[in-house]
Amino acid sequence: MRVAKNNTAFRVMITSQFVNNLGSSFFNIVFLVYAATLPNKTLSVTLVAFTEMLPTLFSIIVGNFADKTKHHLRSWRIARLSQSIIF
């Protein structure tokens, strides 16, 4: 709790991650409901579940590289900015 009070960068990252997770959860629920309405329901839901799992697998690999960076906050900002531009 002390870290959250004293470290602004940590507080921003935690808040941002919470909002990101909330939005991702809503998106995944809507995407699953949409996939369930398609003609081939089983295949659609399976593909959605697989595509939702892929980022988690890649985060393990990318997390290893992130631990080796010197300026974590700057790298995190660049990654999030790049992600928003791509979307």
C-alpha atoms as a PDB file:
ATOM      1  CA  MET A   1       0.000   0.000   0.000  1.00  0.00           C
ATOM      2  CA  ARG A   2       2.914   2.350   0.691  1.00  0.00           C
ATOM      3  CA  VAL A   3       4.167   1.854  -2.844  1.00  0.00           C
ATOM      4  CA  ALA A   4       0.810   2.928  -4.280  1.00  0.00           C
ATOM      5  CA  LYS A   5       0.797   6.068  -2.131  1.00  0.00           C
ATOM      6  CA  ASN A   6       4.375   7.138  -2.771  1.00  0.00           C
ATOM      7  CA  ASN A   7       5.111   5.986  -6.327  1.00  0.00           C
ATOM      8  CA  THR A   8       3.164   7.938  -8.947  1.00  0.00           C
ATOM      9  CA  ALA A   9       4.321   5.770 -11.856  1.00  0.00           C
ATOM     10  CA  PHE A  10       3.172   2.622 -10.079  1.00  0.00           C
ATOM     11  CA  ARG A  11      -0.203   4.172  -9.284  1.00  0.00           C
ATOM     12  CA  VAL A  12      -0.721   5.229 -12.914  1.00  0.00           C
ATOM     13  CA  MET A  13       0.266   1.802 -14.206  1.00  0.00           C
ATOM     14  CA  ILE A  14      -2.032  -0.055 -11.783  1.00  0.00           C
ATOM     15  CA  THR A  15      -4.997   2.211 -12.550  1.00  0.00           C
ATOM     16  CA  SER A  16      -4.414   1.912 -16.275  1.00  0.00           C
ATOM     17  CA  GLN A  17      -4.118  -1.855 -16.071  1.00  0.00           C
ATOM     18  CA  PHE A  18      -7.380  -2.054 -14.101  1.00  0.00           C
ATOM     19  CA  VAL A  19      -9.264  -0.011 -16.709  1.00  0.00           C
ATOM     20  CA  ASN A  20      -7.667  -2.054 -19.503  1.00  0.00           C
ATOM     21  CA  ASN A  21      -8.698  -5.338 -17.874  1.00  0.00           C
ATOM     22  CA  LEU A  22     -12.239  -4.080 -17.352  1.00  0.00           C
ATOM     23  CA  GLY A  23     -12.562  -3.066 -21.007  1.00  0.00           C
ATOM     24  CA  SER A  24     -11.045  -6.327 -22.198  1.00  0.00           C
ATOM     25  CA  SER A  25     -13.479  -8.320 -20.091  1.00  0.00           C
ATOM     26  CA  PHE A  26     -16.473  -6.493 -21.541  1.00  0.00           C
ATOM     27  CA  PHE A  27     -15.119  -6.890 -25.069  1.00  0.00           C
ATOM     28  CA  ASN A  28     -14.520 -10.625 -24.572  1.00  0.00           C
ATOM     29  CA  ILE A  29     -18.046 -11.169 -23.252  1.00  0.00           C
ATOM     30  CA  VAL A  30     -19.597  -9.320 -26.182  1.00  0.00           C
ATOM     31  CA  PHE A  31     -17.357 -11.120 -28.655  1.00  0.00           C
ATOM     32  CA  LEU A  32     -18.341 -14.521 -27.227  1.00  0.00           C
ATOM     33  CA  VAL A  33     -22.034 -13.654 -27.377  1.00  0.00           C
ATOM     34  CA  TYR A  34     -21.619 -12.552 -30.980  1.00  0.00           C
ATOM     35  CA  ALA A  35     -19.709 -15.734 -31.870  1.00  0.00           C
ATOM     36  CA  ALA A  36     -22.494 -17.811 -30.329  1.00  0.00           C
ATOM     37  CA  THR A  37     -25.005 -16.268 -32.752  1.00  0.00           C
ATOM     38  CA  LEU A  38     -23.044 -17.313 -35.858  1.00  0.00           C
ATOM     39  CA  PRO A  39     -24.114 -20.373 -37.871  1.00  0.00           C
ATOM     40  CA  ASN A  40     -21.179 -22.579 -36.821  1.00  0.00           C
ATOM     41  CA  LYS A  41     -21.327 -21.838 -33.086  1.00  0.00           C
ATOM     42  CA  THR A  42     -18.873 -24.426 -31.822  1.00  0.00           C
ATOM     43  CA  LEU A  43     -16.074 -23.434 -34.170  1.00  0.00           C
ATOM     44  CA  SER A  44     -16.693 -19.718 -33.614  1.00  0.00           C
ATOM     45  CA  VAL A  45     -16.608 -19.943 -29.836  1.00  0.00           C
ATOM     46  CA  THR A  46     -13.494 -22.138 -29.978  1.00  0.00           C
ATOM     47  CA  LEU A  47     -11.698 -19.599 -32.188  1.00  0.00           C
ATOM     48  CA  VAL A  48     -12.698 -16.743 -29.893  1.00  0.00           C
ATOM     49  CA  ALA A  49     -11.442 -18.609 -26.828  1.00  0.00           C
ATOM     50  CA  PHE A  50      -8.158 -19.391 -28.580  1.00  0.00           C
ATOM     51  CA  THR A  51      -7.616 -15.795 -29.705  1.00  0.00           C
ATOM     52  CA  GLU A  52      -8.333 -14.552 -26.180  1.00  0.00           C
ATOM     53  CA  MET A  53      -5.697 -16.928 -24.815  1.00  0.00           C
ATOM     54  CA  LEU A  54      -2.916 -15.952 -27.255  1.00  0.00           C
ATOM     55  CA  PRO A  55      -2.073 -12.552 -25.697  1.00  0.00           C
ATOM     56  CA  THR A  56      -1.590 -14.250 -22.334  1.00  0.00           C
ATOM     57  CA  LEU A  57       0.899 -16.670 -23.832  1.00  0.00           C
ATOM     58  CA  PHE A  58       2.759 -13.896 -25.619  1.00  0.00           C
ATOM     59  CA  SER A  59       2.875 -11.797 -22.449  1.00  0.00           C
ATOM     60  CA  ILE A  60       5.194 -14.368 -20.877  1.00  0.00           C
ATOM     61  CA  ILE A  61       7.713 -13.923 -23.684  1.00  0.00           C
ATOM     62  CA  VAL A  62       7.336 -10.154 -23.886  1.00  0.00           C
ATOM     63  CA  GLY A  63       7.526  -9.872 -20.089  1.00  0.00           C
ATOM     64  CA  ASN A  64      10.960 -11.448 -20.187  1.00  0.00           C
ATOM     65  CA  PHE A  65      12.159  -8.750 -22.579  1.00  0.00           C
ATOM     66  CA  ALA A  66      10.455  -6.020 -20.522  1.00  0.00           C
ATOM     67  CA  ASP A  67      12.418  -7.017 -17.441  1.00  0.00           C
ATOM     68  CA  LYS A  68      15.624  -6.224 -19.303  1.00  0.00           C
ATOM     69  CA  THR A  69      14.671  -2.619 -20.132  1.00  0.00           C
ATOM     70  CA  LYS A  70      16.261   0.238 -18.241  1.00  0.00           C
ATOM     71  CA  HIS A  71      13.443   2.800 -18.418  1.00  0.00           C
ATOM     72  CA  HIS A  72      10.311   0.799 -17.658  1.00  0.00           C
ATOM     73  CA  LEU A  73       7.789   3.647 -17.601  1.00  0.00           C
ATOM     74  CA  ARG A  74       9.018   5.159 -20.861  1.00  0.00           C
ATOM     75  CA  SER A  75       8.956   1.764 -22.570  1.00  0.00           C
ATOM     76  CA  TRP A  76       5.480   1.084 -21.195  1.00  0.00           C
ATOM     77  CA  ARG A  77       4.213   4.431 -22.514  1.00  0.00           C
ATOM     78  CA  ILE A  78       5.666   3.761 -25.963  1.00  0.00           C
ATOM     79  CA  ALA A  79       4.088   0.288 -26.047  1.00  0.00           C
ATOM     80  CA  ARG A  80       0.651   1.594 -25.034  1.00  0.00           C
ATOM     81  CA  LEU A  81       0.850   4.486 -27.495  1.00  0.00           C
ATOM     82  CA  SER A  82       1.813   2.082 -30.271  1.00  0.00           C
ATOM     83  CA  GLN A  83      -1.052  -0.208 -29.313  1.00  0.00           C
ATOM     84  CA  SER A  84      -3.566   2.640 -29.426  1.00  0.00           C
ATOM     85  CA  ILE A  85      -2.303   3.764 -32.836  1.00  0.00           C
ATOM     86  CA  ILE A  86      -2.600   0.232 -34.198  1.00  0.00           C
ATOM     87  CA  PHE A  87      -6.189  -0.042 -32.928  1.00  0.00           C
END
